Amino acid sequence: MKKLMLTLAGLMLISILTVDAQSMDTIPSRKKDTLRQEANKYQHSQESYNLRDMTKVNLTDVPAALHQTLQAPEYKGWDNETSTIYKSKTGNLYVVEIRDGNKTKVYHFDSDGKPIIDYN
């Protein structure tokens, strides 16, 4: 009888650990999916986001936070006449198109001037 009780207790312990391990594996994937969905709200490449729904922003009207961010070397040429800055109707998304010859680079920023990173 003692062996039977120890065997049952051991099986219950193993089953609890197995169930717990399975539930822990799904938590990070849920977080990753949630982050991906959140990022997709802001993921608007030139092809998928209709720039006609956005308004052009003059260089003098660029918010101070975005202006500070655009001073970084990777955004060189943002203030040229060939570059264009767009703002969404709600004002929470900015798109900066930097044209250099035949190349066009598109960057996305939030209203605080922080770059929006695409998750894909």
PDB file of N, CA and C in Angstrom:
ATOM      1  N   MET A   1       0.802  -1.184   0.000  1.00  0.00           N
ATOM      2  CA  MET A   1       0.000   0.000   0.000  1.00  0.00           C
ATOM      3  C   MET A   1       0.860   1.270   0.000  1.00  0.00           C
ATOM      4  N   LYS A   2       1.960   1.200   0.738  1.00  0.00           N
ATOM      5  CA  LYS A   2       2.856   2.332   0.827  1.00  0.00           C
ATOM      6  C   LYS A   2       3.484   2.624  -0.543  1.00  0.00           C
ATOM      7  N   LYS A   3       3.861   1.575  -1.283  1.00  0.00           N
ATOM      8  CA  LYS A   3       4.452   1.744  -2.605  1.00  0.00           C
ATOM      9  C   LYS A   3       3.444   2.359  -3.572  1.00  0.00           C
ATOM     10  N   LEU A   4       2.214   1.936  -3.478  1.00  0.00           N
ATOM     11  CA  LEU A   4       1.164   2.454  -4.343  1.00  0.00           C
ATOM     12  C   LEU A   4       0.950   3.953  -4.098  1.00  0.00           C
ATOM     13  N   MET A   5       0.930   4.368  -2.845  1.00  0.00           N
ATOM     14  CA  MET A   5       0.748   5.783  -2.509  1.00  0.00           C
ATOM     15  C   MET A   5       1.929   6.626  -2.990  1.00  0.00           C
ATOM     16  N   LEU A   6       3.141   6.125  -2.833  1.00  0.00           N
ATOM     17  CA  LEU A   6       4.322   6.846  -3.314  1.00  0.00           C
ATOM     18  C   LEU A   6       4.320   6.948  -4.834  1.00  0.00           C
ATOM     19  N   THR A   7       3.902   5.893  -5.512  1.00  0.00           N
ATOM     20  CA  THR A   7       3.830   5.906  -6.974  1.00  0.00           C
ATOM     21  C   THR A   7       2.804   6.930  -7.441  1.00  0.00           C
ATOM     22  N   LEU A   8       1.642   6.950  -6.816  1.00  0.00           N
ATOM     23  CA  LEU A   8       0.602   7.912  -7.186  1.00  0.00           C
ATOM     24  C   LEU A   8       1.057   9.346  -6.908  1.00  0.00           C
ATOM     25  N   ALA A   9       1.719   9.558  -5.799  1.00  0.00           N
ATOM     26  CA  ALA A   9       2.217  10.896  -5.474  1.00  0.00           C
ATOM     27  C   ALA A   9       3.266  11.344  -6.494  1.00  0.00           C
ATOM     28  N   GLY A  10       4.127  10.430  -6.895  1.00  0.00           N
ATOM     29  CA  GLY A  10       5.144  10.739  -7.900  1.00  0.00           C
ATOM     30  C   GLY A  10       4.529  11.069  -9.246  1.00  0.00           C
ATOM     31  N   LEU A  11       3.520  10.303  -9.655  1.00  0.00           N
ATOM     32  CA  LEU A  11       2.834  10.565 -10.921  1.00  0.00           C
ATOM     33  C   LEU A  11       2.116  11.917 -10.901  1.00  0.00           C
ATOM     34  N   MET A  12       1.520  12.257  -9.769  1.00  0.00           N
ATOM     35  CA  MET A  12       0.850  13.556  -9.656  1.00  0.00           C
ATOM     36  C   MET A  12       1.856  14.694  -9.742  1.00  0.00           C
ATOM     37  N   LEU A  13       3.006  14.524  -9.105  1.00  0.00           N
ATOM     38  CA  LEU A  13       4.041  15.543  -9.159  1.00  0.00           C
ATOM     39  C   LEU A  13       4.536  15.738 -10.587  1.00  0.00           C
ATOM     40  N   ILE A  14       4.774  14.638 -11.288  1.00  0.00           N
ATOM     41  CA  ILE A  14       5.239  14.714 -12.675  1.00  0.00           C
ATOM     42  C   ILE A  14       4.187  15.375 -13.559  1.00  0.00           C
ATOM     43  N   SER A  15       2.920  15.034 -13.368  1.00  0.00           N
ATOM     44  CA  SER A  15       1.867  15.630 -14.195  1.00  0.00           C
ATOM     45  C   SER A  15       1.721  17.120 -13.915  1.00  0.00           C
ATOM     46  N   ILE A  16       1.856  17.541 -12.679  1.00  0.00           N
ATOM     47  CA  ILE A  16       1.776  18.968 -12.342  1.00  0.00           C
ATOM     48  C   ILE A  16       2.931  19.724 -12.979  1.00  0.00           C
ATOM     49  N   LEU A  17       4.130  19.171 -12.906  1.00  0.00           N
ATOM     50  CA  LEU A  17       5.284  19.824 -13.515  1.00  0.00           C
ATOM     51  C   LEU A  17       5.143  19.904 -15.032  1.00  0.00           C
ATOM     52  N   THR A  18       4.587  18.878 -15.638  1.00  0.00           N
ATOM     53  CA  THR A  18       4.397  18.873 -17.084  1.00  0.00           C
ATOM     54  C   THR A  18       3.387  19.935 -17.501  1.00  0.00           C
ATOM     55  N   VAL A  19       2.285  20.032 -16.815  1.00  0.00           N
ATOM     56  CA  VAL A  19       1.265  21.038 -17.126  1.00  0.00           C
ATOM     57  C   VAL A  19       1.832  22.432 -16.916  1.00  0.00           C
ATOM     58  N   ASP A  20       2.560  22.644 -15.828  1.00  0.00           N
ATOM     59  CA  ASP A  20       3.144  23.944 -15.557  1.00  0.00           C
ATOM     60  C   ASP A  20       4.150  24.330 -16.640  1.00  0.00           C
ATOM     61  N   ALA A  21       4.953  23.399 -17.088  1.00  0.00           N
ATOM     62  CA  ALA A  21       5.941  23.687 -18.129  1.00  0.00           C
ATOM     63  C   ALA A  21       5.261  24.054 -19.439  1.00  0.00           C
ATOM     64  N   GLN A  22       4.160  23.421 -19.757  1.00  0.00           N
ATOM     65  CA  GLN A  22       3.448  23.744 -20.995  1.00  0.00           C
ATOM     66  C   GLN A  22       2.839  25.136 -20.935  1.00  0.00           C
ATOM     67  N   SER A  23       2.304  25.518 -19.822  1.00  0.00           N
ATOM     68  CA  SER A  23       1.693  26.841 -19.728  1.00  0.00           C
ATOM     69  C   SER A  23       2.745  27.936 -19.760  1.00  0.00           C
ATOM     70  N   MET A  24       3.929  27.685 -19.258  1.00  0.00           N
ATOM     71  CA  MET A  24       4.989  28.676 -19.277  1.00  0.00           C
ATOM     72  C   MET A  24       5.524  28.900 -20.689  1.00  0.00           C
ATOM     73  N   ASP A  25       5.505  27.904 -21.544  1.00  0.00           N
ATOM     74  CA  ASP A  25       5.998  28.051 -22.909  1.00  0.00           C
ATOM     75  C   ASP A  25       5.114  28.967 -23.739  1.00  0.00           C
ATOM     76  N   THR A  26       3.849  29.023 -23.453  1.00  0.00           N
ATOM     77  CA  THR A  26       2.945  29.821 -24.275  1.00  0.00           C
ATOM     78  C   THR A  26       2.956  31.294 -23.900  1.00  0.00           C
ATOM     79  N   ILE A  27       3.396  31.636 -22.724  1.00  0.00           N
ATOM     80  CA  ILE A  27       3.390  33.026 -22.285  1.00  0.00           C
ATOM     81  C   ILE A  27       4.310  33.893 -23.146  1.00  0.00           C
ATOM     82  N   PRO A  28       5.586  33.536 -23.385  1.00  0.00           N
ATOM     83  CA  PRO A  28       6.419  34.400 -24.221  1.00  0.00           C
ATOM     84  C   PRO A  28       5.883  34.554 -25.644  1.00  0.00           C
ATOM     85  N   SER A  29       5.300  33.501 -26.206  1.00  0.00           N
ATOM     86  CA  SER A  29       4.790  33.631 -27.564  1.00  0.00           C
ATOM     87  C   SER A  29       3.586  34.560 -27.597  1.00  0.00           C
ATOM     88  N   ARG A  30       2.788  34.569 -26.546  1.00  0.00           N
ATOM     89  CA  ARG A  30       1.666  35.504 -26.479  1.00  0.00           C
ATOM     90  C   ARG A  30       2.174  36.938 -26.415  1.00  0.00           C
ATOM     91  N   LYS A  31       3.210  37.158 -25.607  1.00  0.00           N
ATOM     92  CA  LYS A  31       3.772  38.497 -25.506  1.00  0.00           C
ATOM     93  C   LYS A  31       4.342  38.933 -26.850  1.00  0.00           C
ATOM     94  N   LYS A  32       5.029  38.026 -27.527  1.00  0.00           N
ATOM     95  CA  LYS A  32       5.614  38.346 -28.825  1.00  0.00           C
ATOM     96  C   LYS A  32       4.522  38.688 -29.829  1.00  0.00           C
ATOM     97  N   ASP A  33       3.421  37.933 -29.821  1.00  0.00           N
ATOM     98  CA  ASP A  33       2.313  38.210 -30.730  1.00  0.00           C
ATOM     99  C   ASP A  33       1.668  39.557 -30.411  1.00  0.00           C
ATOM    100  N   THR A  34       1.543  39.863 -29.137  1.00  0.00           N
ATOM    101  CA  THR A  34       0.961  41.137 -28.744  1.00  0.00           C
ATOM    102  C   THR A  34       1.838  42.291 -29.195  1.00  0.00           C
ATOM    103  N   LEU A  35       3.152  42.157 -29.012  1.00  0.00           N
ATOM    104  CA  LEU A  35       4.071  43.197 -29.470  1.00  0.00           C
ATOM    105  C   LEU A  35       4.013  43.352 -30.982  1.00  0.00           C
ATOM    106  N   ARG A  36       3.922  42.252 -31.681  1.00  0.00           N
ATOM    107  CA  ARG A  36       3.865  42.301 -33.144  1.00  0.00           C
ATOM    108  C   ARG A  36       2.589  43.013 -33.603  1.00  0.00           C
ATOM    109  N   GLN A  37       1.464  42.724 -32.941  1.00  0.00           N
ATOM    110  CA  GLN A  37       0.215  43.392 -33.298  1.00  0.00           C
ATOM    111  C   GLN A  37       0.289  44.883 -33.000  1.00  0.00           C
ATOM    112  N   GLU A  38       0.894  45.224 -31.875  1.00  0.00           N
ATOM    113  CA  GLU A  38       1.045  46.633 -31.522  1.00  0.00           C
ATOM    114  C   GLU A  38       1.921  47.353 -32.534  1.00  0.00           C
ATOM    115  N   ALA A  39       2.994  46.699 -32.948  1.00  0.00           N
ATOM    116  CA  ALA A  39       3.893  47.307 -33.930  1.00  0.00           C
ATOM    117  C   ALA A  39       3.226  47.443 -35.283  1.00  0.00           C
ATOM    118  N   ASN A  40       2.348  46.521 -35.635  1.00  0.00           N
ATOM    119  CA  ASN A  40       1.670  46.592 -36.927  1.00  0.00           C
ATOM    120  C   ASN A  40       0.751  47.803 -37.024  1.00  0.00           C
ATOM    121  N   LYS A  41       0.328  48.344 -35.889  1.00  0.00           N
ATOM    122  CA  LYS A  41      -0.466  49.569 -35.923  1.00  0.00           C
ATOM    123  C   LYS A  41       0.358  50.698 -36.538  1.00  0.00           C
ATOM    124  N   TYR A  42       1.654  50.669 -36.242  1.00  0.00           N
ATOM    125  CA  TYR A  42       2.519  51.748 -36.686  1.00  0.00           C
ATOM    126  C   TYR A  42       3.372  51.373 -37.895  1.00  0.00           C
ATOM    127  N   GLN A  43       3.240  50.151 -38.350  1.00  0.00           N
ATOM    128  CA  GLN A  43       4.075  49.714 -39.467  1.00  0.00           C
ATOM    129  C   GLN A  43       3.398  50.129 -40.761  1.00  0.00           C
ATOM    130  N   HIS A  44       3.904  51.178 -41.361  1.00  0.00           N
ATOM    131  CA  HIS A  44       3.303  51.709 -42.575  1.00  0.00           C
ATOM    132  C   HIS A  44       4.413  52.014 -43.566  1.00  0.00           C
ATOM    133  N   SER A  45       4.730  51.064 -44.400  1.00  0.00           N
ATOM    134  CA  SER A  45       5.721  51.359 -45.422  1.00  0.00           C
ATOM    135  C   SER A  45       5.056  52.219 -46.478  1.00  0.00           C
ATOM    136  N   GLN A  46       5.839  52.774 -47.365  1.00  0.00           N
ATOM    137  CA  GLN A  46       5.320  53.665 -48.384  1.00  0.00           C
ATOM    138  C   GLN A  46       4.247  52.968 -49.220  1.00  0.00           C
ATOM    139  N   GLU A  47       4.419  51.677 -49.470  1.00  0.00           N
ATOM    140  CA  GLU A  47       3.465  50.955 -50.295  1.00  0.00           C
ATOM    141  C   GLU A  47       2.161  50.682 -49.555  1.00  0.00           C
ATOM    142  N   SER A  48       2.237  50.359 -48.260  1.00  0.00           N
ATOM    143  CA  SER A  48       1.038  49.951 -47.546  1.00  0.00           C
ATOM    144  C   SER A  48       0.306  51.131 -46.910  1.00  0.00           C
ATOM    145  N   TYR A  49       0.963  52.227 -46.691  1.00  0.00           N
ATOM    146  CA  TYR A  49       0.314  53.371 -46.075  1.00  0.00           C
ATOM    147  C   TYR A  49       0.074  54.421 -47.137  1.00  0.00           C
ATOM    148  N   ASN A  50      -1.121  54.898 -47.219  1.00  0.00           N
ATOM    149  CA  ASN A  50      -1.494  55.862 -48.232  1.00  0.00           C
ATOM    150  C   ASN A  50      -1.073  57.253 -47.770  1.00  0.00           C
ATOM    151  N   LEU A  51      -0.023  57.785 -48.353  1.00  0.00           N
ATOM    152  CA  LEU A  51       0.482  59.088 -47.940  1.00  0.00           C
ATOM    153  C   LEU A  51      -0.482  60.211 -48.305  1.00  0.00           C
ATOM    154  N   ARG A  52      -1.448  59.932 -49.166  1.00  0.00           N
ATOM    155  CA  ARG A  52      -2.437  60.956 -49.510  1.00  0.00           C
ATOM    156  C   ARG A  52      -3.307  61.289 -48.308  1.00  0.00           C
ATOM    157  N   ASP A  53      -3.414  60.366 -47.352  1.00  0.00           N
ATOM    158  CA  ASP A  53      -4.203  60.606 -46.154  1.00  0.00           C
ATOM    159  C   ASP A  53      -3.438  61.411 -45.110  1.00  0.00           C
ATOM    160  N   MET A  54      -2.200  61.739 -45.423  1.00  0.00           N
ATOM    161  CA  MET A  54      -1.370  62.493 -44.489  1.00  0.00           C
ATOM    162  C   MET A  54      -1.165  63.902 -45.036  1.00  0.00           C
ATOM    163  N   THR A  55      -0.780  64.804 -44.149  1.00  0.00           N
ATOM    164  CA  THR A  55      -0.529  66.177 -44.574  1.00  0.00           C
ATOM    165  C   THR A  55       0.969  66.446 -44.558  1.00  0.00           C
ATOM    166  N   LYS A  56       1.410  67.225 -45.525  1.00  0.00           N
ATOM    167  CA  LYS A  56       2.826  67.606 -45.569  1.00  0.00           C
ATOM    168  C   LYS A  56       3.102  68.623 -44.472  1.00  0.00           C
ATOM    169  N   VAL A  57       4.301  68.516 -43.926  1.00  0.00           N
ATOM    170  CA  VAL A  57       4.711  69.406 -42.845  1.00  0.00           C
ATOM    171  C   VAL A  57       5.872  70.251 -43.353  1.00  0.00           C
ATOM    172  N   ASN A  58       5.799  71.552 -43.150  1.00  0.00           N
ATOM    173  CA  ASN A  58       6.913  72.427 -43.497  1.00  0.00           C
ATOM    174  C   ASN A  58       8.059  72.201 -42.519  1.00  0.00           C
ATOM    175  N   LEU A  59       9.275  72.471 -42.982  1.00  0.00           N
ATOM    176  CA  LEU A  59      10.439  72.278 -42.110  1.00  0.00           C
ATOM    177  C   LEU A  59      10.335  73.119 -40.842  1.00  0.00           C
ATOM    178  N   THR A  60       9.719  74.269 -40.939  1.00  0.00           N
ATOM    179  CA  THR A  60       9.599  75.137 -39.757  1.00  0.00           C
ATOM    180  C   THR A  60       8.557  74.616 -38.771  1.00  0.00           C
ATOM    181  N   ASP A  61       7.672  73.714 -39.232  1.00  0.00           N
ATOM    182  CA  ASP A  61       6.606  73.187 -38.368  1.00  0.00           C
ATOM    183  C   ASP A  61       6.923  71.823 -37.769  1.00  0.00           C
ATOM    184  N   VAL A  62       8.132  71.343 -37.975  1.00  0.00           N
ATOM    185  CA  VAL A  62       8.521  70.039 -37.419  1.00  0.00           C
ATOM    186  C   VAL A  62       8.621  70.177 -35.899  1.00  0.00           C
ATOM    187  N   PRO A  63       7.976  69.270 -35.146  1.00  0.00           N
ATOM    188  CA  PRO A  63       8.050  69.347 -33.676  1.00  0.00           C
ATOM    189  C   PRO A  63       9.502  69.269 -33.179  1.00  0.00           C
ATOM    190  N   ALA A  64       9.754  69.898 -32.067  1.00  0.00           N
ATOM    191  CA  ALA A  64      11.112  69.984 -31.522  1.00  0.00           C
ATOM    192  C   ALA A  64      11.709  68.606 -31.254  1.00  0.00           C
ATOM    193  N   ALA A  65      10.902  67.675 -30.733  1.00  0.00           N
ATOM    194  CA  ALA A  65      11.417  66.330 -30.423  1.00  0.00           C
ATOM    195  C   ALA A  65      11.834  65.607 -31.697  1.00  0.00           C
ATOM    196  N   LEU A  66      11.030  65.717 -32.739  1.00  0.00           N
ATOM    197  CA  LEU A  66      11.370  65.082 -34.016  1.00  0.00           C
ATOM    198  C   LEU A  66      12.573  65.774 -34.645  1.00  0.00           C
ATOM    199  N   HIS A  67      12.621  67.078 -34.551  1.00  0.00           N
ATOM    200  CA  HIS A  67      13.759  67.833 -35.092  1.00  0.00           C
ATOM    201  C   HIS A  67      15.056  67.380 -34.444  1.00  0.00           C
ATOM    202  N   GLN A  68      15.022  67.170 -33.136  1.00  0.00           N
ATOM    203  CA  GLN A  68      16.210  66.703 -32.407  1.00  0.00           C
ATOM    204  C   GLN A  68      16.629  65.313 -32.887  1.00  0.00           C
ATOM    205  N   THR A  69      15.658  64.419 -33.068  1.00  0.00           N
ATOM    206  CA  THR A  69      15.952  63.056 -33.527  1.00  0.00           C
ATOM    207  C   THR A  69      16.552  63.071 -34.924  1.00  0.00           C
ATOM    208  N   LEU A  70      16.046  63.930 -35.788  1.00  0.00           N
ATOM    209  CA  LEU A  70      16.509  63.974 -37.175  1.00  0.00           C
ATOM    210  C   LEU A  70      17.917  64.553 -37.323  1.00  0.00           C
ATOM    211  N   GLN A  71      18.487  65.070 -36.257  1.00  0.00           N
ATOM    212  CA  GLN A  71      19.850  65.573 -36.303  1.00  0.00           C
ATOM    213  C   GLN A  71      20.882  64.442 -36.325  1.00  0.00           C
ATOM    214  N   ALA A  72      20.442  63.202 -36.072  1.00  0.00           N
ATOM    215  CA  ALA A  72      21.353  62.046 -36.073  1.00  0.00           C
ATOM    216  C   ALA A  72      21.911  61.832 -37.484  1.00  0.00           C
ATOM    217  N   PRO A  73      23.132  61.292 -37.590  1.00  0.00           N
ATOM    218  CA  PRO A  73      23.780  61.125 -38.902  1.00  0.00           C
ATOM    219  C   PRO A  73      23.021  60.213 -39.870  1.00  0.00           C
ATOM    220  N   GLU A  74      22.253  59.255 -39.363  1.00  0.00           N
ATOM    221  CA  GLU A  74      21.551  58.341 -40.274  1.00  0.00           C
ATOM    222  C   GLU A  74      20.412  59.024 -41.026  1.00  0.00           C
ATOM    223  N   TYR A  75      19.981  60.206 -40.560  1.00  0.00           N
ATOM    224  CA  TYR A  75      18.907  60.943 -41.215  1.00  0.00           C
ATOM    225  C   TYR A  75      19.448  62.135 -42.002  1.00  0.00           C
ATOM    226  N   LYS A  76      20.683  62.062 -42.399  1.00  0.00           N
ATOM    227  CA  LYS A  76      21.335  63.143 -43.141  1.00  0.00           C
ATOM    228  C   LYS A  76      20.533  63.443 -44.411  1.00  0.00           C
ATOM    229  N   GLY A  77      20.269  64.696 -44.640  1.00  0.00           N
ATOM    230  CA  GLY A  77      19.544  65.114 -45.823  1.00  0.00           C
ATOM    231  C   GLY A  77      18.055  65.285 -45.607  1.00  0.00           C
ATOM    232  N   TRP A  78      17.583  65.136 -44.376  1.00  0.00           N
ATOM    233  CA  TRP A  78      16.146  65.263 -44.113  1.00  0.00           C
ATOM    234  C   TRP A  78      15.635  66.676 -44.358  1.00  0.00           C
ATOM    235  N   ASP A  79      16.541  67.656 -44.252  1.00  0.00           N
ATOM    236  CA  ASP A  79      16.116  69.043 -44.408  1.00  0.00           C
ATOM    237  C   ASP A  79      16.363  69.594 -45.813  1.00  0.00           C
ATOM    238  N   ASN A  80      16.720  68.721 -46.771  1.00  0.00           N
ATOM    239  CA  ASN A  80      16.882  69.145 -48.157  1.00  0.00           C
ATOM    240  C   ASN A  80      15.522  69.390 -48.799  1.00  0.00           C
ATOM    241  N   GLU A  81      15.539  70.124 -49.900  1.00  0.00           N
ATOM    242  CA  GLU A  81      14.295  70.399 -50.614  1.00  0.00           C
ATOM    243  C   GLU A  81      13.695  69.138 -51.230  1.00  0.00           C
ATOM    244  N   THR A  82      14.521  68.127 -51.489  1.00  0.00           N
ATOM    245  CA  THR A  82      14.021  66.897 -52.109  1.00  0.00           C
ATOM    246  C   THR A  82      13.370  65.965 -51.098  1.00  0.00           C
ATOM    247  N   SER A  83      13.500  66.252 -49.833  1.00  0.00           N
ATOM    248  CA  SER A  83      12.906  65.410 -48.791  1.00  0.00           C
ATOM    249  C   SER A  83      11.542  65.958 -48.384  1.00  0.00           C
ATOM    250  N   THR A  84      10.693  65.038 -47.893  1.00  0.00           N
ATOM    251  CA  THR A  84       9.335  65.423 -47.511  1.00  0.00           C
ATOM    252  C   THR A  84       8.997  64.820 -46.154  1.00  0.00           C
ATOM    253  N   ILE A  85       8.298  65.588 -45.341  1.00  0.00           N
ATOM    254  CA  ILE A  85       7.841  65.123 -44.038  1.00  0.00           C
ATOM    255  C   ILE A  85       6.319  65.159 -44.047  1.00  0.00           C
ATOM    256  N   TYR A  86       5.709  64.045 -43.619  1.00  0.00           N
ATOM    257  CA  TYR A  86       4.257  63.926 -43.557  1.00  0.00           C
ATOM    258  C   TYR A  86       3.831  63.700 -42.116  1.00  0.00           C
ATOM    259  N   LYS A  87       2.611  64.149 -41.801  1.00  0.00           N
ATOM    260  CA  LYS A  87       2.042  63.950 -40.479  1.00  0.00           C
ATOM    261  C   LYS A  87       0.661  63.325 -40.647  1.00  0.00           C
ATOM    262  N   SER A  88       0.351  62.340 -39.808  1.00  0.00           N
ATOM    263  CA  SER A  88      -0.977  61.729 -39.866  1.00  0.00           C
ATOM    264  C   SER A  88      -2.018  62.725 -39.372  1.00  0.00           C
ATOM    265  N   LYS A  89      -3.267  62.448 -39.682  1.00  0.00           N
ATOM    266  CA  LYS A  89      -4.344  63.355 -39.277  1.00  0.00           C
ATOM    267  C   LYS A  89      -4.424  63.497 -37.766  1.00  0.00           C
ATOM    268  N   THR A  90      -4.125  62.414 -37.055  1.00  0.00           N
ATOM    269  CA  THR A  90      -4.187  62.460 -35.593  1.00  0.00           C
ATOM    270  C   THR A  90      -2.928  63.069 -34.990  1.00  0.00           C
ATOM    271  N   GLY A  91      -1.869  63.167 -35.766  1.00  0.00           N
ATOM    272  CA  GLY A  91      -0.627  63.763 -35.283  1.00  0.00           C
ATOM    273  C   GLY A  91       0.244  62.817 -34.495  1.00  0.00           C
ATOM    274  N   ASN A  92      -0.071  61.514 -34.492  1.00  0.00           N
ATOM    275  CA  ASN A  92       0.734  60.572 -33.709  1.00  0.00           C
ATOM    276  C   ASN A  92       1.735  59.806 -34.562  1.00  0.00           C
ATOM    277  N   LEU A  93       1.789  60.080 -35.875  1.00  0.00           N
ATOM    278  CA  LEU A  93       2.718  59.395 -36.759  1.00  0.00           C
ATOM    279  C   LEU A  93       3.307  60.398 -37.734  1.00  0.00           C
ATOM    280  N   TYR A  94       4.635  60.347 -37.864  1.00  0.00           N
ATOM    281  CA  TYR A  94       5.330  61.184 -38.833  1.00  0.00           C
ATOM    282  C   TYR A  94       6.104  60.270 -39.772  1.00  0.00           C
ATOM    283  N   VAL A  95       6.072  60.591 -41.045  1.00  0.00           N
ATOM    284  CA  VAL A  95       6.823  59.842 -42.056  1.00  0.00           C
ATOM    285  C   VAL A  95       7.777  60.818 -42.714  1.00  0.00           C
ATOM    286  N   VAL A  96       9.053  60.435 -42.751  1.00  0.00           N
ATOM    287  CA  VAL A  96      10.077  61.269 -43.367  1.00  0.00           C
ATOM    288  C   VAL A  96      10.630  60.519 -44.569  1.00  0.00           C
ATOM    289  N   GLU A  97      10.497  61.119 -45.739  1.00  0.00           N
ATOM    290  CA  GLU A  97      11.063  60.562 -46.970  1.00  0.00           C
ATOM    291  C   GLU A  97      12.304  61.357 -47.319  1.00  0.00           C
ATOM    292  N   ILE A  98      13.433  60.664 -47.379  1.00  0.00           N
ATOM    293  CA  ILE A  98      14.688  61.315 -47.724  1.00  0.00           C
ATOM    294  C   ILE A  98      15.101  60.793 -49.085  1.00  0.00           C
ATOM    295  N   ARG A  99      15.136  61.690 -50.078  1.00  0.00           N
ATOM    296  CA  ARG A  99      15.517  61.298 -51.435  1.00  0.00           C
ATOM    297  C   ARG A  99      16.949  61.729 -51.707  1.00  0.00           C
ATOM    298  N   ASP A 100      17.713  60.783 -52.226  1.00  0.00           N
ATOM    299  CA  ASP A 100      19.096  61.060 -52.596  1.00  0.00           C
ATOM    300  C   ASP A 100      19.321  60.430 -53.971  1.00  0.00           C
ATOM    301  N   GLY A 101      19.176  61.214 -55.018  1.00  0.00           N
ATOM    302  CA  GLY A 101      19.293  60.673 -56.371  1.00  0.00           C
ATOM    303  C   GLY A 101      18.117  59.762 -56.669  1.00  0.00           C
ATOM    304  N   ASN A 102      18.408  58.510 -57.001  1.00  0.00           N
ATOM    305  CA  ASN A 102      17.359  57.534 -57.295  1.00  0.00           C
ATOM    306  C   ASN A 102      16.907  56.769 -56.057  1.00  0.00           C
ATOM    307  N   LYS A 103      17.543  56.979 -54.940  1.00  0.00           N
ATOM    308  CA  LYS A 103      17.220  56.253 -53.709  1.00  0.00           C
ATOM    309  C   LYS A 103      16.290  57.086 -52.835  1.00  0.00           C
ATOM    310  N   THR A 104      15.316  56.402 -52.265  1.00  0.00           N
ATOM    311  CA  THR A 104      14.410  57.046 -51.303  1.00  0.00           C
ATOM    312  C   THR A 104      14.391  56.206 -50.038  1.00  0.00           C
ATOM    313  N   LYS A 105      14.675  56.849 -48.934  1.00  0.00           N
ATOM    314  CA  LYS A 105      14.613  56.182 -47.637  1.00  0.00           C
ATOM    315  C   LYS A 105      13.399  56.739 -46.894  1.00  0.00           C
ATOM    316  N   VAL A 106      12.644  55.840 -46.276  1.00  0.00           N
ATOM    317  CA  VAL A 106      11.433  56.240 -45.549  1.00  0.00           C
ATOM    318  C   VAL A 106      11.608  55.853 -44.083  1.00  0.00           C
ATOM    319  N   TYR A 107      11.401  56.815 -43.209  1.00  0.00           N
ATOM    320  CA  TYR A 107      11.501  56.588 -41.769  1.00  0.00           C
ATOM    321  C   TYR A 107      10.178  56.974 -41.118  1.00  0.00           C
ATOM    322  N   HIS A 108       9.832  56.247 -40.060  1.00  0.00           N
ATOM    323  CA  HIS A 108       8.591  56.491 -39.334  1.00  0.00           C
ATOM    324  C   HIS A 108       8.916  56.868 -37.896  1.00  0.00           C
ATOM    325  N   PHE A 109       8.190  57.856 -37.372  1.00  0.00           N
ATOM    326  CA  PHE A 109       8.415  58.339 -36.019  1.00  0.00           C
ATOM    327  C   PHE A 109       7.072  58.536 -35.326  1.00  0.00           C
ATOM    328  N   ASP A 110       7.091  58.403 -33.991  1.00  0.00           N
ATOM    329  CA  ASP A 110       5.875  58.700 -33.243  1.00  0.00           C
ATOM    330  C   ASP A 110       5.851  60.189 -32.908  1.00  0.00           C
ATOM    331  N   SER A 111       4.858  60.626 -32.185  1.00  0.00           N
ATOM    332  CA  SER A 111       4.699  62.054 -31.897  1.00  0.00           C
ATOM    333  C   SER A 111       5.787  62.597 -30.969  1.00  0.00           C
ATOM    334  N   ASP A 112       6.498  61.699 -30.276  1.00  0.00           N
ATOM    335  CA  ASP A 112       7.599  62.120 -29.399  1.00  0.00           C
ATOM    336  C   ASP A 112       8.936  62.132 -30.120  1.00  0.00           C
ATOM    337  N   GLY A 113       8.937  61.859 -31.417  1.00  0.00           N
ATOM    338  CA  GLY A 113      10.172  61.865 -32.190  1.00  0.00           C
ATOM    339  C   GLY A 113      10.948  60.560 -32.099  1.00  0.00           C
ATOM    340  N   LYS A 114      10.374  59.532 -31.515  1.00  0.00           N
ATOM    341  CA  LYS A 114      11.059  58.244 -31.389  1.00  0.00           C
ATOM    342  C   LYS A 114      10.832  57.431 -32.655  1.00  0.00           C
ATOM    343  N   PRO A 115      11.906  56.826 -33.200  1.00  0.00           N
ATOM    344  CA  PRO A 115      11.732  55.988 -34.400  1.00  0.00           C
ATOM    345  C   PRO A 115      10.848  54.789 -34.102  1.00  0.00           C
ATOM    346  N   ILE A 116      10.024  54.441 -35.067  1.00  0.00           N
ATOM    347  CA  ILE A 116       9.163  53.268 -34.933  1.00  0.00           C
ATOM    348  C   ILE A 116       9.836  52.133 -35.662  1.00  0.00           C
ATOM    349  N   ILE A 117      10.099  51.065 -34.931  1.00  0.00           N
ATOM    350  CA  ILE A 117      10.810  49.898 -35.471  1.00  0.00           C
ATOM    351  C   ILE A 117       9.790  48.892 -35.975  1.00  0.00           C
ATOM    352  N   ASP A 118       9.983  48.444 -37.206  1.00  0.00           N
ATOM    353  CA  ASP A 118       9.088  47.443 -37.783  1.00  0.00           C
ATOM    354  C   ASP A 118       9.469  46.055 -37.278  1.00  0.00           C
ATOM    355  N   TYR A 119       8.476  45.238 -36.807  1.00  0.00           N
ATOM    356  CA  TYR A 119       8.695  43.874 -36.339  1.00  0.00           C
ATOM    357  C   TYR A 119       8.156  42.911 -37.363  1.00  0.00           C
ATOM    358  N   ASN A 120       9.025  42.365 -38.148  1.00  0.00           N
ATOM    359  CA  ASN A 120       8.616  41.327 -39.101  1.00  0.00           C
ATOM    360  C   ASN A 120       9.787  40.467 -39.420  1.00  0.00           C
TER     361      ASN A 120
END
